[in-house]
Amino acid sequence: MNVRLPQLADYGLVEKVGPAKNSGLYEITELGLLAVENREKYGEVEDFGQYLENATE
């Protein structure tokens, strides 16, 4: 978890929240929710990140 959550944050799928910088609390972002809603497309499209970006436009 300590490795994966910062990676997800780098992709904009979650963001750190909480009273302290190192609190370890994360919240899913709108882009993260979109990724969850479209997870079945992950193996079907060539670039899932680009797919999500296009879906937000």
PDB file of N, CA and C in Angstrom:
ATOM      1  N   MET A   1       0.826  -1.195   0.000  1.00  0.00           N
ATOM      2  CA  MET A   1       0.000   0.000   0.000  1.00  0.00           C
ATOM      3  C   MET A   1       0.866   1.253   0.000  1.00  0.00           C
ATOM      4  N   ASN A   2       1.955   1.230   0.743  1.00  0.00           N
ATOM      5  CA  ASN A   2       2.805   2.414   0.818  1.00  0.00           C
ATOM      6  C   ASN A   2       3.459   2.745  -0.514  1.00  0.00           C
ATOM      7  N   VAL A   3       3.561   1.751  -1.388  1.00  0.00           N
ATOM      8  CA  VAL A   3       4.144   1.975  -2.713  1.00  0.00           C
ATOM      9  C   VAL A   3       3.057   2.295  -3.729  1.00  0.00           C
ATOM     10  N   ARG A   4       1.958   1.574  -3.695  1.00  0.00           N
ATOM     11  CA  ARG A   4       0.926   1.703  -4.727  1.00  0.00           C
ATOM     12  C   ARG A   4       0.145   3.010  -4.637  1.00  0.00           C
ATOM     13  N   LEU A   5      -0.219   3.440  -3.449  1.00  0.00           N
ATOM     14  CA  LEU A   5      -1.015   4.674  -3.344  1.00  0.00           C
ATOM     15  C   LEU A   5      -0.276   5.886  -3.905  1.00  0.00           C
ATOM     16  N   PRO A   6       1.013   6.076  -3.606  1.00  0.00           N
ATOM     17  CA  PRO A   6       1.706   7.201  -4.247  1.00  0.00           C
ATOM     18  C   PRO A   6       1.765   7.067  -5.770  1.00  0.00           C
ATOM     19  N   GLN A   7       1.863   5.834  -6.282  1.00  0.00           N
ATOM     20  CA  GLN A   7       1.844   5.640  -7.729  1.00  0.00           C
ATOM     21  C   GLN A   7       0.495   6.046  -8.306  1.00  0.00           C
ATOM     22  N   LEU A   8      -0.580   5.657  -7.652  1.00  0.00           N
ATOM     23  CA  LEU A   8      -1.910   6.059  -8.104  1.00  0.00           C
ATOM     24  C   LEU A   8      -2.075   7.570  -8.043  1.00  0.00           C
ATOM     25  N   ALA A   9      -1.477   8.191  -7.029  1.00  0.00           N
ATOM     26  CA  ALA A   9      -1.523   9.655  -6.914  1.00  0.00           C
ATOM     27  C   ALA A   9      -0.776  10.302  -8.079  1.00  0.00           C
ATOM     28  N   ASP A  10       0.346   9.699  -8.492  1.00  0.00           N
ATOM     29  CA  ASP A  10       1.094  10.226  -9.642  1.00  0.00           C
ATOM     30  C   ASP A  10       0.244  10.229 -10.908  1.00  0.00           C
ATOM     31  N   TYR A  11      -0.660   9.274 -11.031  1.00  0.00           N
ATOM     32  CA  TYR A  11      -1.549   9.194 -12.191  1.00  0.00           C
ATOM     33  C   TYR A  11      -2.816  10.028 -12.000  1.00  0.00           C
ATOM     34  N   GLY A  12      -2.988  10.638 -10.838  1.00  0.00           N
ATOM     35  CA  GLY A  12      -4.157  11.474 -10.588  1.00  0.00           C
ATOM     36  C   GLY A  12      -5.403  10.692 -10.221  1.00  0.00           C
ATOM     37  N   LEU A  13      -5.239   9.420  -9.850  1.00  0.00           N
ATOM     38  CA  LEU A  13      -6.388   8.585  -9.520  1.00  0.00           C
ATOM     39  C   LEU A  13      -6.807   8.714  -8.067  1.00  0.00           C
ATOM     40  N   VAL A  14      -5.876   9.080  -7.206  1.00  0.00           N
ATOM     41  CA  VAL A  14      -6.161   9.369  -5.800  1.00  0.00           C
ATOM     42  C   VAL A  14      -5.371  10.609  -5.419  1.00  0.00           C
ATOM     43  N   GLU A  15      -5.757  11.228  -4.299  1.00  0.00           N
ATOM     44  CA  GLU A  15      -4.990  12.360  -3.785  1.00  0.00           C
ATOM     45  C   GLU A  15      -4.894  12.262  -2.281  1.00  0.00           C
ATOM     46  N   LYS A  16      -3.781  12.758  -1.762  1.00  0.00           N
ATOM     47  CA  LYS A  16      -3.585  12.756  -0.311  1.00  0.00           C
ATOM     48  C   LYS A  16      -4.533  13.749   0.339  1.00  0.00           C
ATOM     49  N   VAL A  17      -5.123  13.327   1.428  1.00  0.00           N
ATOM     50  CA  VAL A  17      -5.976  14.200   2.225  1.00  0.00           C
ATOM     51  C   VAL A  17      -5.604  13.990   3.688  1.00  0.00           C
ATOM     52  N   GLY A  18      -6.098  14.813   4.525  1.00  0.00           N
ATOM     53  CA  GLY A  18      -5.840  14.623   5.945  1.00  0.00           C
ATOM     54  C   GLY A  18      -5.172  15.826   6.563  1.00  0.00           C
ATOM     55  N   PRO A  19      -5.077  15.794   7.862  1.00  0.00           N
ATOM     56  CA  PRO A  19      -4.550  16.944   8.579  1.00  0.00           C
ATOM     57  C   PRO A  19      -3.041  17.119   8.450  1.00  0.00           C
ATOM     58  N   ALA A  20      -2.297  16.025   8.192  1.00  0.00           N
ATOM     59  CA  ALA A  20      -0.840  16.108   8.106  1.00  0.00           C
ATOM     60  C   ALA A  20      -0.370  15.595   6.748  1.00  0.00           C
ATOM     61  N   LYS A  21       0.776  16.108   6.292  1.00  0.00           N
ATOM     62  CA  LYS A  21       1.309  15.727   4.989  1.00  0.00           C
ATOM     63  C   LYS A  21       1.558  14.220   4.904  1.00  0.00           C
ATOM     64  N   ASN A  22       2.026  13.627   5.967  1.00  0.00           N
ATOM     65  CA  ASN A  22       2.344  12.200   5.973  1.00  0.00           C
ATOM     66  C   ASN A  22       1.286  11.374   6.685  1.00  0.00           C
ATOM     67  N   SER A  23       0.040  11.809   6.633  1.00  0.00           N
ATOM     68  CA  SER A  23      -1.025  11.105   7.352  1.00  0.00           C
ATOM     69  C   SER A  23      -1.362   9.753   6.728  1.00  0.00           C
ATOM     70  N   GLY A  24      -1.069   9.577   5.441  1.00  0.00           N
ATOM     71  CA  GLY A  24      -1.369   8.320   4.775  1.00  0.00           C
ATOM     72  C   GLY A  24      -2.824   8.175   4.354  1.00  0.00           C
ATOM     73  N   LEU A  25      -3.576   9.254   4.438  1.00  0.00           N
ATOM     74  CA  LEU A  25      -4.978   9.214   4.022  1.00  0.00           C
ATOM     75  C   LEU A  25      -5.094   9.660   2.570  1.00  0.00           C
ATOM     76  N   TYR A  26      -5.793   8.865   1.794  1.00  0.00           N
ATOM     77  CA  TYR A  26      -6.001   9.171   0.381  1.00  0.00           C
ATOM     78  C   TYR A  26      -7.484   9.144   0.077  1.00  0.00           C
ATOM     79  N   GLU A  27      -7.844   9.878  -0.961  1.00  0.00           N
ATOM     80  CA  GLU A  27      -9.226   9.913  -1.430  1.00  0.00           C
ATOM     81  C   GLU A  27      -9.206   9.719  -2.943  1.00  0.00           C
ATOM     82  N   ILE A  28     -10.167   8.960  -3.453  1.00  0.00           N
ATOM     83  CA  ILE A  28     -10.231   8.735  -4.888  1.00  0.00           C
ATOM     84  C   ILE A  28     -10.699  10.022  -5.574  1.00  0.00           C
ATOM     85  N   THR A  29     -10.112  10.299  -6.727  1.00  0.00           N
ATOM     86  CA  THR A  29     -10.450  11.507  -7.488  1.00  0.00           C
ATOM     87  C   THR A  29     -11.544  11.182  -8.513  1.00  0.00           C
ATOM     88  N   GLU A  30     -12.007  12.206  -9.194  1.00  0.00           N
ATOM     89  CA  GLU A  30     -12.985  12.005 -10.265  1.00  0.00           C
ATOM     90  C   GLU A  30     -12.396  11.101 -11.354  1.00  0.00           C
ATOM     91  N   LEU A  31     -11.117  11.321 -11.670  1.00  0.00           N
ATOM     92  CA  LEU A  31     -10.464  10.480 -12.670  1.00  0.00           C
ATOM     93  C   LEU A  31     -10.374   9.040 -12.164  1.00  0.00           C
ATOM     94  N   GLY A  32     -10.121   8.862 -10.883  1.00  0.00           N
ATOM     95  CA  GLY A  32     -10.086   7.528 -10.295  1.00  0.00           C
ATOM     96  C   GLY A  32     -11.435   6.839 -10.376  1.00  0.00           C
ATOM     97  N   LEU A  33     -12.480   7.578 -10.111  1.00  0.00           N
ATOM     98  CA  LEU A  33     -13.836   7.014 -10.234  1.00  0.00           C
ATOM     99  C   LEU A  33     -14.129   6.618 -11.675  1.00  0.00           C
ATOM    100  N   LEU A  34     -13.699   7.447 -12.607  1.00  0.00           N
ATOM    101  CA  LEU A  34     -13.888   7.144 -14.024  1.00  0.00           C
ATOM    102  C   LEU A  34     -13.127   5.872 -14.399  1.00  0.00           C
ATOM    103  N   ALA A  35     -11.930   5.705 -13.861  1.00  0.00           N
ATOM    104  CA  ALA A  35     -11.136   4.497 -14.123  1.00  0.00           C
ATOM    105  C   ALA A  35     -11.850   3.262 -13.583  1.00  0.00           C
ATOM    106  N   VAL A  36     -12.418   3.369 -12.392  1.00  0.00           N
ATOM    107  CA  VAL A  36     -13.145   2.237 -11.813  1.00  0.00           C
ATOM    108  C   VAL A  36     -14.372   1.904 -12.662  1.00  0.00           C
ATOM    109  N   GLU A  37     -15.083   2.930 -13.081  1.00  0.00           N
ATOM    110  CA  GLU A  37     -16.291   2.723 -13.879  1.00  0.00           C
ATOM    111  C   GLU A  37     -15.988   2.097 -15.240  1.00  0.00           C
ATOM    112  N   ASN A  38     -14.776   2.308 -15.750  1.00  0.00           N
ATOM    113  CA  ASN A  38     -14.403   1.815 -17.080  1.00  0.00           C
ATOM    114  C   ASN A  38     -13.348   0.718 -17.019  1.00  0.00           C
ATOM    115  N   ARG A  39     -13.182   0.079 -15.872  1.00  0.00           N
ATOM    116  CA  ARG A  39     -12.118  -0.910 -15.692  1.00  0.00           C
ATOM    117  C   ARG A  39     -12.190  -2.069 -16.684  1.00  0.00           C
ATOM    118  N   GLU A  40     -13.369  -2.392 -17.196  1.00  0.00           N
ATOM    119  CA  GLU A  40     -13.479  -3.497 -18.155  1.00  0.00           C
ATOM    120  C   GLU A  40     -12.799  -3.157 -19.475  1.00  0.00           C
ATOM    121  N   LYS A  41     -12.576  -1.882 -19.742  1.00  0.00           N
ATOM    122  CA  LYS A  41     -11.909  -1.445 -20.971  1.00  0.00           C
ATOM    123  C   LYS A  41     -10.386  -1.522 -20.857  1.00  0.00           C
ATOM    124  N   TYR A  42      -9.862  -1.718 -19.650  1.00  0.00           N
ATOM    125  CA  TYR A  42      -8.413  -1.647 -19.414  1.00  0.00           C
ATOM    126  C   TYR A  42      -7.619  -2.542 -20.365  1.00  0.00           C
ATOM    127  N   GLY A  43      -8.027  -3.777 -20.541  1.00  0.00           N
ATOM    128  CA  GLY A  43      -7.314  -4.681 -21.428  1.00  0.00           C
ATOM    129  C   GLY A  43      -7.707  -4.555 -22.890  1.00  0.00           C
ATOM    130  N   GLU A  44      -8.719  -3.760 -23.165  1.00  0.00           N
ATOM    131  CA  GLU A  44      -9.244  -3.653 -24.527  1.00  0.00           C
ATOM    132  C   GLU A  44      -8.699  -2.471 -25.308  1.00  0.00           C
ATOM    133  N   VAL A  45      -8.222  -1.446 -24.621  1.00  0.00           N
ATOM    134  CA  VAL A  45      -7.710  -0.259 -25.315  1.00  0.00           C
ATOM    135  C   VAL A  45      -6.191  -0.221 -25.213  1.00  0.00           C
ATOM    136  N   GLU A  46      -5.566   0.399 -26.195  1.00  0.00           N
ATOM    137  CA  GLU A  46      -4.103   0.439 -26.229  1.00  0.00           C
ATOM    138  C   GLU A  46      -3.528   1.323 -25.119  1.00  0.00           C
ATOM    139  N   ASP A  47      -4.137   2.474 -24.882  1.00  0.00           N
ATOM    140  CA  ASP A  47      -3.636   3.421 -23.879  1.00  0.00           C
ATOM    141  C   ASP A  47      -4.793   3.818 -22.959  1.00  0.00           C
ATOM    142  N   PHE A  48      -4.884   3.162 -21.824  1.00  0.00           N
ATOM    143  CA  PHE A  48      -6.003   3.391 -20.903  1.00  0.00           C
ATOM    144  C   PHE A  48      -6.001   4.817 -20.361  1.00  0.00           C
ATOM    145  N   GLY A  49      -4.826   5.364 -20.090  1.00  0.00           N
ATOM    146  CA  GLY A  49      -4.740   6.741 -19.618  1.00  0.00           C
ATOM    147  C   GLY A  49      -5.308   7.721 -20.626  1.00  0.00           C
ATOM    148  N   GLN A  50      -4.961   7.522 -21.884  1.00  0.00           N
ATOM    149  CA  GLN A  50      -5.492   8.384 -22.945  1.00  0.00           C
ATOM    150  C   GLN A  50      -6.990   8.181 -23.094  1.00  0.00           C
ATOM    151  N   TYR A  51      -7.433   6.940 -22.962  1.00  0.00           N
ATOM    152  CA  TYR A  51      -8.865   6.632 -23.025  1.00  0.00           C
ATOM    153  C   TYR A  51      -9.610   7.429 -21.953  1.00  0.00           C
ATOM    154  N   LEU A  52      -9.061   7.457 -20.748  1.00  0.00           N
ATOM    155  CA  LEU A  52      -9.708   8.197 -19.656  1.00  0.00           C
ATOM    156  C   LEU A  52      -9.706   9.687 -19.920  1.00  0.00           C
ATOM    157  N   GLU A  53      -8.592  10.206 -20.429  1.00  0.00           N
ATOM    158  CA  GLU A  53      -8.518  11.633 -20.752  1.00  0.00           C
ATOM    159  C   GLU A  53      -9.572  12.011 -21.786  1.00  0.00           C
ATOM    160  N   ASN A  54      -9.736  11.182 -22.801  1.00  0.00           N
ATOM    161  CA  ASN A  54     -10.726  11.449 -23.838  1.00  0.00           C
ATOM    162  C   ASN A  54     -12.135  11.376 -23.277  1.00  0.00           C
ATOM    163  N   ALA A  55     -12.355  10.499 -22.298  1.00  0.00           N
ATOM    164  CA  ALA A  55     -13.682  10.340 -21.703  1.00  0.00           C
ATOM    165  C   ALA A  55     -14.071  11.555 -20.859  1.00  0.00           C
ATOM    166  N   THR A  56     -13.079  12.319 -20.383  1.00  0.00           N
ATOM    167  CA  THR A  56     -13.377  13.481 -19.550  1.00  0.00           C
ATOM    168  C   THR A  56     -13.648  14.728 -20.385  1.00  0.00           C
ATOM    169  N   GLU A  57     -13.357  14.682 -21.663  1.00  0.00           N
ATOM    170  CA  GLU A  57     -13.566  15.859 -22.532  1.00  0.00           C
ATOM    171  C   GLU A  57     -14.979  15.956 -23.017  1.00  0.00           C
TER     172      GLU A  57
END
